[in-house]
């Protein structure tokens, strides 16, 4: 009933919350709670985001190609993310900068869905 967009946004916010918990609560059991929140967010985001993308594809005759482009975008971000993390950690000296950048990236991704067409 809600539609897919709010679910994807909620998943992104849960991912950001999980990473923020790692930043704010580095001692045990903080990482355990953070991983649980992050895992729920990732599961919600991943499944509903794919459904949302499939729902808004413009042309049924080219769905395979368009989903392939989405797959390349996901794979590219997974390949470039660690390199960006290394660069951020090197600039700041520890992982707090990486966690902060991850929180901002997750919130930016969720926020991008707020702009309706």
PDB file of N, CA and C in Angstrom:
ATOM      1  N   UNK A   1       0.806  -1.201   0.000  1.00  0.00           N
ATOM      2  CA  UNK A   1       0.000   0.000   0.000  1.00  0.00           C
ATOM      3  C   UNK A   1       0.846   1.260   0.000  1.00  0.00           C
ATOM      4  N   UNK A   2       1.982   1.185   0.653  1.00  0.00           N
ATOM      5  CA  UNK A   2       2.861   2.354   0.713  1.00  0.00           C
ATOM      6  C   UNK A   2       3.521   2.652  -0.626  1.00  0.00           C
ATOM      7  N   UNK A   3       3.712   1.635  -1.418  1.00  0.00           N
ATOM      8  CA  UNK A   3       4.520   1.779  -2.619  1.00  0.00           C
ATOM      9  C   UNK A   3       5.953   1.400  -2.292  1.00  0.00           C
ATOM     10  N   UNK A   4       6.749   1.281  -3.322  1.00  0.00           N
ATOM     11  CA  UNK A   4       8.126   0.823  -3.113  1.00  0.00           C
ATOM     12  C   UNK A   4       9.072   1.935  -2.684  1.00  0.00           C
ATOM     13  N   UNK A   5       8.825   3.130  -3.123  1.00  0.00           N
ATOM     14  CA  UNK A   5       9.742   4.234  -2.841  1.00  0.00           C
ATOM     15  C   UNK A   5       9.969   4.460  -1.345  1.00  0.00           C
ATOM     16  N   UNK A   6       8.925   4.541  -0.512  1.00  0.00           N
ATOM     17  CA  UNK A   6       9.183   4.733   0.928  1.00  0.00           C
ATOM     18  C   UNK A   6       9.951   3.569   1.554  1.00  0.00           C
ATOM     19  N   UNK A   7       9.747   2.366   1.043  1.00  0.00           N
ATOM     20  CA  UNK A   7      10.459   1.212   1.582  1.00  0.00           C
ATOM     21  C   UNK A   7      11.947   1.302   1.239  1.00  0.00           C
ATOM     22  N   UNK A   8      12.255   1.722   0.015  1.00  0.00           N
ATOM     23  CA  UNK A   8      13.656   1.892  -0.382  1.00  0.00           C
ATOM     24  C   UNK A   8      14.305   2.998   0.449  1.00  0.00           C
ATOM     25  N   UNK A   9      13.587   4.090   0.655  1.00  0.00           N
ATOM     26  CA  UNK A   9      14.114   5.191   1.475  1.00  0.00           C
ATOM     27  C   UNK A   9      14.365   4.706   2.901  1.00  0.00           C
ATOM     28  N   UNK A  10      13.411   3.951   3.462  1.00  0.00           N
ATOM     29  CA  UNK A  10      13.588   3.421   4.820  1.00  0.00           C
ATOM     30  C   UNK A  10      14.801   2.498   4.894  1.00  0.00           C
ATOM     31  N   UNK A  11      15.011   1.681   3.859  1.00  0.00           N
ATOM     32  CA  UNK A  11      16.192   0.820   3.825  1.00  0.00           C
ATOM     33  C   UNK A  11      17.475   1.633   3.832  1.00  0.00           C
ATOM     34  N   UNK A  12      17.523   2.700   3.049  1.00  0.00           N
ATOM     35  CA  UNK A  12      18.703   3.561   3.027  1.00  0.00           C
ATOM     36  C   UNK A  12      18.957   4.230   4.365  1.00  0.00           C
ATOM     37  N   UNK A  13      17.885   4.664   5.014  1.00  0.00           N
ATOM     38  CA  UNK A  13      18.029   5.297   6.330  1.00  0.00           C
ATOM     39  C   UNK A  13      18.498   4.269   7.365  1.00  0.00           C
ATOM     40  N   UNK A  14      18.004   3.033   7.285  1.00  0.00           N
ATOM     41  CA  UNK A  14      18.470   1.988   8.198  1.00  0.00           C
ATOM     42  C   UNK A  14      19.944   1.664   7.964  1.00  0.00           C
ATOM     43  N   UNK A  15      20.359   1.652   6.711  1.00  0.00           N
ATOM     44  CA  UNK A  15      21.784   1.435   6.417  1.00  0.00           C
ATOM     45  C   UNK A  15      22.611   2.555   7.043  1.00  0.00           C
ATOM     46  N   UNK A  16      22.185   3.790   6.838  1.00  0.00           N
ATOM     47  CA  UNK A  16      22.906   4.933   7.413  1.00  0.00           C
ATOM     48  C   UNK A  16      22.928   4.848   8.939  1.00  0.00           C
ATOM     49  N   UNK A  17      21.830   4.432   9.537  1.00  0.00           N
ATOM     50  CA  UNK A  17      21.764   4.302  10.989  1.00  0.00           C
ATOM     51  C   UNK A  17      22.729   3.231  11.494  1.00  0.00           C
ATOM     52  N   UNK A  18      22.783   2.103  10.791  1.00  0.00           N
ATOM     53  CA  UNK A  18      23.710   1.045  11.184  1.00  0.00           C
ATOM     54  C   UNK A  18      25.160   1.501  11.132  1.00  0.00           C
ATOM     55  N   UNK A  19      25.510   2.212  10.078  1.00  0.00           N
ATOM     56  CA  UNK A  19      26.889   2.704   9.963  1.00  0.00           C
ATOM     57  C   UNK A  19      27.155   3.787  11.003  1.00  0.00           C
ATOM     58  N   UNK A  20      26.167   4.643  11.262  1.00  0.00           N
ATOM     59  CA  UNK A  20      26.339   5.679  12.288  1.00  0.00           C
ATOM     60  C   UNK A  20      26.543   5.059  13.662  1.00  0.00           C
ATOM     61  N   UNK A  21      25.869   3.937  13.921  1.00  0.00           N
ATOM     62  CA  UNK A  21      26.082   3.252  15.199  1.00  0.00           C
ATOM     63  C   UNK A  21      27.512   2.741  15.322  1.00  0.00           C
ATOM     64  N   UNK A  22      28.093   2.281  14.219  1.00  0.00           N
ATOM     65  CA  UNK A  22      29.505   1.879  14.266  1.00  0.00           C
ATOM     66  C   UNK A  22      30.398   3.068  14.606  1.00  0.00           C
ATOM     67  N   UNK A  23      30.035   4.221  14.085  1.00  0.00           N
ATOM     68  CA  UNK A  23      30.815   5.432  14.341  1.00  0.00           C
ATOM     69  C   UNK A  23      30.662   5.890  15.793  1.00  0.00           C
ATOM     70  N   UNK A  24      29.440   5.803  16.308  1.00  0.00           N
ATOM     71  CA  UNK A  24      29.159   6.330  17.639  1.00  0.00           C
ATOM     72  C   UNK A  24      29.415   5.341  18.774  1.00  0.00           C
ATOM     73  N   UNK A  25      29.261   4.044  18.494  1.00  0.00           N
ATOM     74  CA  UNK A  25      29.416   3.015  19.530  1.00  0.00           C
ATOM     75  C   UNK A  25      30.437   1.970  19.093  1.00  0.00           C
ATOM     76  N   UNK A  26      31.730   2.328  19.073  1.00  0.00           N
ATOM     77  CA  UNK A  26      32.736   1.375  18.578  1.00  0.00           C
ATOM     78  C   UNK A  26      33.011   0.221  19.531  1.00  0.00           C
ATOM     79  N   UNK A  27      32.634   0.354  20.799  1.00  0.00           N
ATOM     80  CA  UNK A  27      32.883  -0.713  21.768  1.00  0.00           C
ATOM     81  C   UNK A  27      31.722  -1.694  21.815  1.00  0.00           C
ATOM     82  N   UNK A  28      32.043  -2.923  22.246  1.00  0.00           N
ATOM     83  CA  UNK A  28      31.045  -3.986  22.305  1.00  0.00           C
ATOM     84  C   UNK A  28      29.923  -3.616  23.261  1.00  0.00           C
ATOM     85  N   UNK A  29      28.674  -3.840  22.981  1.00  0.00           N
ATOM     86  CA  UNK A  29      28.054  -4.567  21.879  1.00  0.00           C
ATOM     87  C   UNK A  29      27.608  -3.659  20.728  1.00  0.00           C
ATOM     88  N   UNK A  30      28.160  -2.448  20.645  1.00  0.00           N
ATOM     89  CA  UNK A  30      27.798  -1.520  19.575  1.00  0.00           C
ATOM     90  C   UNK A  30      27.896  -2.104  18.178  1.00  0.00           C
ATOM     91  N   UNK A  31      29.016  -2.741  17.828  1.00  0.00           N
ATOM     92  CA  UNK A  31      29.118  -3.319  16.481  1.00  0.00           C
ATOM     93  C   UNK A  31      28.076  -4.404  16.200  1.00  0.00           C
ATOM     94  N   UNK A  32      27.683  -5.151  17.222  1.00  0.00           N
ATOM     95  CA  UNK A  32      26.658  -6.179  17.027  1.00  0.00           C
ATOM     96  C   UNK A  32      25.314  -5.534  16.683  1.00  0.00           C
ATOM     97  N   UNK A  33      24.933  -4.534  17.454  1.00  0.00           N
ATOM     98  CA  UNK A  33      23.675  -3.825  17.190  1.00  0.00           C
ATOM     99  C   UNK A  33      23.748  -3.130  15.835  1.00  0.00           C
ATOM    100  N   UNK A  34      24.887  -2.513  15.547  1.00  0.00           N
ATOM    101  CA  UNK A  34      25.054  -1.820  14.269  1.00  0.00           C
ATOM    102  C   UNK A  34      24.910  -2.781  13.094  1.00  0.00           C
ATOM    103  N   UNK A  35      25.490  -3.968  13.208  1.00  0.00           N
ATOM    104  CA  UNK A  35      25.403  -4.945  12.118  1.00  0.00           C
ATOM    105  C   UNK A  35      23.985  -5.445  11.929  1.00  0.00           C
ATOM    106  N   UNK A  36      23.248  -5.607  13.004  1.00  0.00           N
ATOM    107  CA  UNK A  36      21.855  -6.035  12.891  1.00  0.00           C
ATOM    108  C   UNK A  36      21.031  -4.973  12.178  1.00  0.00           C
ATOM    109  N   UNK A  37      21.184  -3.719  12.587  1.00  0.00           N
ATOM    110  CA  UNK A  37      20.436  -2.625  11.947  1.00  0.00           C
ATOM    111  C   UNK A  37      20.865  -2.482  10.489  1.00  0.00           C
ATOM    112  N   UNK A  38      22.166  -2.521  10.237  1.00  0.00           N
ATOM    113  CA  UNK A  38      22.665  -2.417   8.859  1.00  0.00           C
ATOM    114  C   UNK A  38      22.146  -3.568   8.007  1.00  0.00           C
ATOM    115  N   UNK A  39      22.175  -4.789   8.532  1.00  0.00           N
ATOM    116  CA  UNK A  39      21.723  -5.955   7.780  1.00  0.00           C
ATOM    117  C   UNK A  39      20.251  -5.879   7.417  1.00  0.00           C
ATOM    118  N   UNK A  40      19.426  -5.441   8.359  1.00  0.00           N
ATOM    119  CA  UNK A  40      18.001  -5.267   8.056  1.00  0.00           C
ATOM    120  C   UNK A  40      17.830  -4.206   6.976  1.00  0.00           C
ATOM    121  N   UNK A  41      18.534  -3.091   7.116  1.00  0.00           N
ATOM    122  CA  UNK A  41      18.446  -2.026   6.116  1.00  0.00           C
ATOM    123  C   UNK A  41      18.909  -2.480   4.744  1.00  0.00           C
ATOM    124  N   UNK A  42      19.994  -3.225   4.704  1.00  0.00           N
ATOM    125  CA  UNK A  42      20.517  -3.699   3.421  1.00  0.00           C
ATOM    126  C   UNK A  42      19.536  -4.664   2.755  1.00  0.00           C
ATOM    127  N   UNK A  43      18.949  -5.538   3.543  1.00  0.00           N
ATOM    128  CA  UNK A  43      17.968  -6.467   2.990  1.00  0.00           C
ATOM    129  C   UNK A  43      16.745  -5.754   2.444  1.00  0.00           C
ATOM    130  N   UNK A  44      16.238  -4.799   3.208  1.00  0.00           N
ATOM    131  CA  UNK A  44      15.069  -4.027   2.767  1.00  0.00           C
ATOM    132  C   UNK A  44      15.415  -3.227   1.510  1.00  0.00           C
ATOM    133  N   UNK A  45      16.556  -2.544   1.538  1.00  0.00           N
ATOM    134  CA  UNK A  45      16.954  -1.709   0.410  1.00  0.00           C
ATOM    135  C   UNK A  45      17.186  -2.531  -0.853  1.00  0.00           C
ATOM    136  N   UNK A  46      17.936  -3.603  -0.733  1.00  0.00           N
ATOM    137  CA  UNK A  46      18.313  -4.379  -1.913  1.00  0.00           C
ATOM    138  C   UNK A  46      17.110  -4.961  -2.635  1.00  0.00           C
ATOM    139  N   UNK A  47      16.214  -5.580  -1.893  1.00  0.00           N
ATOM    140  CA  UNK A  47      15.070  -6.219  -2.546  1.00  0.00           C
ATOM    141  C   UNK A  47      14.089  -5.197  -3.095  1.00  0.00           C
ATOM    142  N   UNK A  48      13.802  -4.168  -2.333  1.00  0.00           N
ATOM    143  CA  UNK A  48      12.808  -3.204  -2.800  1.00  0.00           C
ATOM    144  C   UNK A  48      13.380  -2.276  -3.870  1.00  0.00           C
ATOM    145  N   UNK A  49      14.674  -1.997  -3.852  1.00  0.00           N
ATOM    146  CA  UNK A  49      15.267  -1.142  -4.870  1.00  0.00           C
ATOM    147  C   UNK A  49      15.210  -1.805  -6.242  1.00  0.00           C
ATOM    148  N   UNK A  50      15.517  -3.088  -6.307  1.00  0.00           N
ATOM    149  CA  UNK A  50      15.442  -3.792  -7.583  1.00  0.00           C
ATOM    150  C   UNK A  50      14.016  -3.792  -8.115  1.00  0.00           C
ATOM    151  N   UNK A  51      13.049  -4.005  -7.228  1.00  0.00           N
ATOM    152  CA  UNK A  51      11.647  -3.985  -7.651  1.00  0.00           C
ATOM    153  C   UNK A  51      11.252  -2.588  -8.125  1.00  0.00           C
ATOM    154  N   UNK A  52      11.729  -1.557  -7.445  1.00  0.00           N
ATOM    155  CA  UNK A  52      11.424  -0.186  -7.851  1.00  0.00           C
ATOM    156  C   UNK A  52      12.011   0.119  -9.224  1.00  0.00           C
ATOM    157  N   UNK A  53      13.245  -0.291  -9.452  1.00  0.00           N
ATOM    158  CA  UNK A  53      13.883  -0.053 -10.748  1.00  0.00           C
ATOM    159  C   UNK A  53      13.130  -0.789 -11.853  1.00  0.00           C
ATOM    160  N   UNK A  54      12.764  -2.031 -11.603  1.00  0.00           N
ATOM    161  CA  UNK A  54      12.038  -2.804 -12.611  1.00  0.00           C
ATOM    162  C   UNK A  54      10.671  -2.181 -12.907  1.00  0.00           C
ATOM    163  N   UNK A  55      10.086  -1.558 -11.907  1.00  0.00           N
ATOM    164  CA  UNK A  55       8.774  -0.945 -12.069  1.00  0.00           C
ATOM    165  C   UNK A  55       8.814   0.296 -12.957  1.00  0.00           C
ATOM    166  N   UNK A  56       9.901   1.032 -12.934  1.00  0.00           N
ATOM    167  CA  UNK A  56       9.956   2.296 -13.657  1.00  0.00           C
ATOM    168  C   UNK A  56      10.711   2.223 -14.982  1.00  0.00           C
ATOM    169  N   UNK A  57      11.037   1.021 -15.437  1.00  0.00           N
ATOM    170  CA  UNK A  57      11.719   0.897 -16.721  1.00  0.00           C
ATOM    171  C   UNK A  57      10.820   1.432 -17.835  1.00  0.00           C
ATOM    172  N   UNK A  58      11.385   2.206 -18.747  1.00  0.00           N
ATOM    173  CA  UNK A  58      10.553   2.909 -19.720  1.00  0.00           C
ATOM    174  C   UNK A  58       9.989   2.048 -20.855  1.00  0.00           C
ATOM    175  N   UNK A  59      10.687   0.999 -21.256  1.00  0.00           N
ATOM    176  CA  UNK A  59      10.272   0.264 -22.442  1.00  0.00           C
ATOM    177  C   UNK A  59      10.411  -1.234 -22.192  1.00  0.00           C
ATOM    178  N   UNK A  60       9.295  -1.958 -22.268  1.00  0.00           N
ATOM    179  CA  UNK A  60       9.326  -3.398 -22.000  1.00  0.00           C
ATOM    180  C   UNK A  60      10.236  -4.155 -22.963  1.00  0.00           C
ATOM    181  N   UNK A  61      10.405  -3.649 -24.161  1.00  0.00           N
ATOM    182  CA  UNK A  61      11.243  -4.332 -25.149  1.00  0.00           C
ATOM    183  C   UNK A  61      12.726  -4.248 -24.783  1.00  0.00           C
ATOM    184  N   UNK A  62      13.094  -3.315 -23.912  1.00  0.00           N
ATOM    185  CA  UNK A  62      14.506  -3.121 -23.555  1.00  0.00           C
ATOM    186  C   UNK A  62      14.779  -3.338 -22.071  1.00  0.00           C
ATOM    187  N   UNK A  63      13.903  -4.060 -21.399  1.00  0.00           N
ATOM    188  CA  UNK A  63      14.084  -4.278 -19.952  1.00  0.00           C
ATOM    189  C   UNK A  63      15.397  -4.978 -19.633  1.00  0.00           C
ATOM    190  N   UNK A  64      15.769  -5.974 -20.426  1.00  0.00           N
ATOM    191  CA  UNK A  64      17.012  -6.697 -20.179  1.00  0.00           C
ATOM    192  C   UNK A  64      18.223  -5.788 -20.252  1.00  0.00           C
ATOM    193  N   UNK A  65      18.249  -4.947 -21.262  1.00  0.00           N
ATOM    194  CA  UNK A  65      19.369  -4.011 -21.404  1.00  0.00           C
ATOM    195  C   UNK A  65      19.411  -3.031 -20.233  1.00  0.00           C
ATOM    196  N   UNK A  66      18.243  -2.502 -19.864  1.00  0.00           N
ATOM    197  CA  UNK A  66      18.200  -1.518 -18.781  1.00  0.00           C
ATOM    198  C   UNK A  66      18.584  -2.142 -17.441  1.00  0.00           C
ATOM    199  N   UNK A  67      18.147  -3.362 -17.185  1.00  0.00           N
ATOM    200  CA  UNK A  67      18.553  -4.041 -15.949  1.00  0.00           C
ATOM    201  C   UNK A  67      20.042  -4.374 -15.976  1.00  0.00           C
ATOM    202  N   UNK A  68      20.585  -4.614 -17.161  1.00  0.00           N
ATOM    203  CA  UNK A  68      22.026  -4.824 -17.288  1.00  0.00           C
ATOM    204  C   UNK A  68      22.801  -3.567 -16.944  1.00  0.00           C
ATOM    205  N   UNK A  69      22.288  -2.413 -17.357  1.00  0.00           N
ATOM    206  CA  UNK A  69      22.924  -1.139 -17.004  1.00  0.00           C
ATOM    207  C   UNK A  69      22.887  -0.944 -15.492  1.00  0.00           C
ATOM    208  N   UNK A  70      21.764  -1.295 -14.871  1.00  0.00           N
ATOM    209  CA  UNK A  70      21.685  -1.188 -13.414  1.00  0.00           C
ATOM    210  C   UNK A  70      22.695  -2.119 -12.749  1.00  0.00           C
ATOM    211  N   UNK A  71      22.844  -3.323 -13.280  1.00  0.00           N
ATOM    212  CA  UNK A  71      23.802  -4.272 -12.737  1.00  0.00           C
ATOM    213  C   UNK A  71      25.232  -3.737 -12.827  1.00  0.00           C
ATOM    214  N   UNK A  72      25.562  -3.109 -13.936  1.00  0.00           N
ATOM    215  CA  UNK A  72      26.890  -2.514 -14.089  1.00  0.00           C
ATOM    216  C   UNK A  72      27.079  -1.381 -13.075  1.00  0.00           C
ATOM    217  N   UNK A  73      26.043  -0.584 -12.855  1.00  0.00           N
ATOM    218  CA  UNK A  73      26.140   0.512 -11.883  1.00  0.00           C
ATOM    219  C   UNK A  73      26.379  -0.034 -10.474  1.00  0.00           C
ATOM    220  N   UNK A  74      25.681  -1.099 -10.122  1.00  0.00           N
ATOM    221  CA  UNK A  74      25.871  -1.704  -8.797  1.00  0.00           C
ATOM    222  C   UNK A  74      27.272  -2.291  -8.683  1.00  0.00           C
ATOM    223  N   UNK A  75      27.704  -3.023  -9.706  1.00  0.00           N
ATOM    224  CA  UNK A  75      29.031  -3.641  -9.670  1.00  0.00           C
ATOM    225  C   UNK A  75      30.137  -2.582  -9.628  1.00  0.00           C
ATOM    226  N   UNK A  76      29.961  -1.496 -10.366  1.00  0.00           N
ATOM    227  CA  UNK A  76      30.970  -0.433 -10.367  1.00  0.00           C
ATOM    228  C   UNK A  76      31.087   0.211  -8.994  1.00  0.00           C
ATOM    229  N   UNK A  77      29.951   0.448  -8.345  1.00  0.00           N
ATOM    230  CA  UNK A  77      30.019   1.064  -7.021  1.00  0.00           C
ATOM    231  C   UNK A  77      30.656   0.109  -6.006  1.00  0.00           C
ATOM    232  N   UNK A  78      30.410  -1.183  -6.147  1.00  0.00           N
ATOM    233  CA  UNK A  78      31.034  -2.141  -5.239  1.00  0.00           C
ATOM    234  C   UNK A  78      32.535  -2.264  -5.497  1.00  0.00           C
ATOM    235  N   UNK A  79      32.950  -2.026  -6.718  1.00  0.00           N
ATOM    236  CA  UNK A  79      34.379  -2.080  -7.035  1.00  0.00           C
ATOM    237  C   UNK A  79      35.091  -0.795  -6.626  1.00  0.00           C
ATOM    238  N   UNK A  80      34.422   0.340  -6.788  1.00  0.00           N
ATOM    239  CA  UNK A  80      35.055   1.626  -6.485  1.00  0.00           C
ATOM    240  C   UNK A  80      34.922   2.021  -5.011  1.00  0.00           C
ATOM    241  N   UNK A  81      33.934   1.483  -4.317  1.00  0.00           N
ATOM    242  CA  UNK A  81      33.724   1.818  -2.909  1.00  0.00           C
ATOM    243  C   UNK A  81      34.938   1.558  -2.030  1.00  0.00           C
ATOM    244  N   UNK A  82      35.552   0.383  -2.109  1.00  0.00           N
ATOM    245  CA  UNK A  82      36.744   0.148  -1.289  1.00  0.00           C
ATOM    246  C   UNK A  82      37.897   1.104  -1.614  1.00  0.00           C
ATOM    247  N   UNK A  83      38.049   1.451  -2.874  1.00  0.00           N
ATOM    248  CA  UNK A  83      39.110   2.407  -3.231  1.00  0.00           C
ATOM    249  C   UNK A  83      38.833   3.775  -2.619  1.00  0.00           C
ATOM    250  N   UNK A  84      37.568   4.185  -2.660  1.00  0.00           N
ATOM    251  CA  UNK A  84      37.202   5.453  -2.038  1.00  0.00           C
ATOM    252  C   UNK A  84      37.406   5.380  -0.525  1.00  0.00           C
ATOM    253  N   UNK A  85      37.072   4.232   0.070  1.00  0.00           N
ATOM    254  CA  UNK A  85      37.281   4.049   1.500  1.00  0.00           C
ATOM    255  C   UNK A  85      38.747   4.155   1.882  1.00  0.00           C
ATOM    256  N   UNK A  86      39.616   3.568   1.072  1.00  0.00           N
ATOM    257  CA  UNK A  86      41.050   3.660   1.329  1.00  0.00           C
ATOM    258  C   UNK A  86      41.518   5.108   1.248  1.00  0.00           C
ATOM    259  N   UNK A  87      41.022   5.832   0.258  1.00  0.00           N
ATOM    260  CA  UNK A  87      41.408   7.238   0.103  1.00  0.00           C
ATOM    261  C   UNK A  87      40.935   8.067   1.287  1.00  0.00           C
ATOM    262  N   UNK A  88      39.704   7.848   1.732  1.00  0.00           N
ATOM    263  CA  UNK A  88      39.171   8.604   2.870  1.00  0.00           C
ATOM    264  C   UNK A  88      39.929   8.246   4.144  1.00  0.00           C
ATOM    265  N   UNK A  89      40.195   6.948   4.361  1.00  0.00           N
ATOM    266  CA  UNK A  89      40.929   6.529   5.559  1.00  0.00           C
ATOM    267  C   UNK A  89      42.349   7.070   5.553  1.00  0.00           C
ATOM    268  N   UNK A  90      42.964   7.101   4.388  1.00  0.00           N
ATOM    269  CA  UNK A  90      44.334   7.629   4.298  1.00  0.00           C
ATOM    270  C   UNK A  90      44.373   9.116   4.603  1.00  0.00           C
ATOM    271  N   UNK A  91      43.359   9.839   4.173  1.00  0.00           N
ATOM    272  CA  UNK A  91      43.328  11.281   4.411  1.00  0.00           C
ATOM    273  C   UNK A  91      43.076  11.598   5.878  1.00  0.00           C
ATOM    274  N   UNK A  92      42.223  10.777   6.532  1.00  0.00           N
ATOM    275  CA  UNK A  92      41.865  11.063   7.920  1.00  0.00           C
ATOM    276  C   UNK A  92      42.638  10.278   8.947  1.00  0.00           C
ATOM    277  N   UNK A  93      43.292   9.208   8.542  1.00  0.00           N
ATOM    278  CA  UNK A  93      44.100   8.445   9.462  1.00  0.00           C
ATOM    279  C   UNK A  93      43.403   7.284  10.146  1.00  0.00           C
ATOM    280  N   UNK A  94      42.059   7.223  10.112  1.00  0.00           N
ATOM    281  CA  UNK A  94      41.365   6.095  10.732  1.00  0.00           C
ATOM    282  C   UNK A  94      40.030   5.854  10.018  1.00  0.00           C
ATOM    283  N   UNK A  95      39.257   4.939  10.578  1.00  0.00           N
ATOM    284  CA  UNK A  95      38.015   4.545   9.921  1.00  0.00           C
ATOM    285  C   UNK A  95      36.828   5.447  10.228  1.00  0.00           C
ATOM    286  N   UNK A  96      36.984   6.383  11.139  1.00  0.00           N
ATOM    287  CA  UNK A  96      35.849   7.268  11.439  1.00  0.00           C
ATOM    288  C   UNK A  96      35.431   8.084  10.224  1.00  0.00           C
ATOM    289  N   UNK A  97      36.386   8.509   9.449  1.00  0.00           N
ATOM    290  CA  UNK A  97      36.059   9.246   8.221  1.00  0.00           C
ATOM    291  C   UNK A  97      35.342   8.375   7.199  1.00  0.00           C
ATOM    292  N   UNK A  98      35.735   7.104   7.135  1.00  0.00           N
ATOM    293  CA  UNK A  98      35.071   6.170   6.211  1.00  0.00           C
ATOM    294  C   UNK A  98      33.629   5.959   6.638  1.00  0.00           C
ATOM    295  N   UNK A  99      33.414   5.761   7.952  1.00  0.00           N
ATOM    296  CA  UNK A  99      32.052   5.567   8.443  1.00  0.00           C
ATOM    297  C   UNK A  99      31.210   6.821   8.209  1.00  0.00           C
ATOM    298  N   UNK A 100      31.783   7.992   8.453  1.00  0.00           N
ATOM    299  CA  UNK A 100      31.049   9.241   8.233  1.00  0.00           C
ATOM    300  C   UNK A 100      30.693   9.407   6.756  1.00  0.00           C
ATOM    301  N   UNK A 101      31.623   9.089   5.868  1.00  0.00           N
ATOM    302  CA  UNK A 101      31.350   9.181   4.428  1.00  0.00           C
ATOM    303  C   UNK A 101      30.275   8.181   4.021  1.00  0.00           C
ATOM    304  N   UNK A 102      30.286   6.991   4.623  1.00  0.00           N
ATOM    305  CA  UNK A 102      29.269   5.978   4.308  1.00  0.00           C
ATOM    306  C   UNK A 102      27.891   6.420   4.765  1.00  0.00           C
ATOM    307  N   UNK A 103      27.811   7.048   5.941  1.00  0.00           N
ATOM    308  CA  UNK A 103      26.524   7.569   6.417  1.00  0.00           C
ATOM    309  C   UNK A 103      25.993   8.609   5.440  1.00  0.00           C
ATOM    310  N   UNK A 104      26.854   9.528   5.031  1.00  0.00           N
ATOM    311  CA  UNK A 104      26.429  10.581   4.096  1.00  0.00           C
ATOM    312  C   UNK A 104      26.008  10.000   2.750  1.00  0.00           C
ATOM    313  N   UNK A 105      26.740   9.000   2.270  1.00  0.00           N
ATOM    314  CA  UNK A 105      26.390   8.388   0.986  1.00  0.00           C
ATOM    315  C   UNK A 105      25.051   7.668   1.065  1.00  0.00           C
ATOM    316  N   UNK A 106      24.800   6.952   2.161  1.00  0.00           N
ATOM    317  CA  UNK A 106      23.522   6.247   2.320  1.00  0.00           C
ATOM    318  C   UNK A 106      22.367   7.230   2.415  1.00  0.00           C
ATOM    319  N   UNK A 107      22.561   8.304   3.164  1.00  0.00           N
ATOM    320  CA  UNK A 107      21.498   9.316   3.267  1.00  0.00           C
ATOM    321  C   UNK A 107      21.275  10.033   1.941  1.00  0.00           C
ATOM    322  N   UNK A 108      22.349  10.274   1.197  1.00  0.00           N
ATOM    323  CA  UNK A 108      22.205  10.903  -0.125  1.00  0.00           C
ATOM    324  C   UNK A 108      21.439   9.997  -1.090  1.00  0.00           C
ATOM    325  N   UNK A 109      21.736   8.703  -1.016  1.00  0.00           N
ATOM    326  CA  UNK A 109      21.014   7.752  -1.874  1.00  0.00           C
ATOM    327  C   UNK A 109      19.540   7.686  -1.527  1.00  0.00           C
ATOM    328  N   UNK A 110      19.236   7.663  -0.237  1.00  0.00           N
ATOM    329  CA  UNK A 110      17.833   7.650   0.183  1.00  0.00           C
ATOM    330  C   UNK A 110      17.162   8.974  -0.152  1.00  0.00           C
ATOM    331  N   UNK A 111      17.888  10.061   0.036  1.00  0.00           N
ATOM    332  CA  UNK A 111      17.335  11.380  -0.266  1.00  0.00           C
ATOM    333  C   UNK A 111      17.078  11.611  -1.739  1.00  0.00           C
ATOM    334  N   UNK A 112      17.847  10.953  -2.581  1.00  0.00           N
ATOM    335  CA  UNK A 112      17.637  11.112  -4.025  1.00  0.00           C
ATOM    336  C   UNK A 112      16.262  10.616  -4.450  1.00  0.00           C
ATOM    337  N   UNK A 113      15.699   9.701  -3.693  1.00  0.00           N
ATOM    338  CA  UNK A 113      14.373   9.190  -4.030  1.00  0.00           C
ATOM    339  C   UNK A 113      13.259  10.111  -3.571  1.00  0.00           C
ATOM    340  N   UNK A 114      13.591  11.102  -2.770  1.00  0.00           N
ATOM    341  CA  UNK A 114      12.569  12.043  -2.329  1.00  0.00           C
ATOM    342  C   UNK A 114      12.143  12.992  -3.444  1.00  0.00           C
ATOM    343  N   UNK A 115      13.030  13.191  -4.417  1.00  0.00           N
ATOM    344  CA  UNK A 115      12.700  14.071  -5.546  1.00  0.00           C
ATOM    345  C   UNK A 115      11.765  13.303  -6.482  1.00  0.00           C
ATOM    346  N   UNK A 116      10.523  13.645  -6.463  1.00  0.00           N
ATOM    347  CA  UNK A 116       9.529  12.954  -7.304  1.00  0.00           C
ATOM    348  C   UNK A 116       9.449  13.593  -8.663  1.00  0.00           C
ATOM    349  N   UNK A 117       9.149  12.727  -9.629  1.00  0.00           N
ATOM    350  CA  UNK A 117       8.952  13.239 -10.979  1.00  0.00           C
ATOM    351  C   UNK A 117       7.493  13.507 -11.215  1.00  0.00           C
TER     352      UNK A 117
END
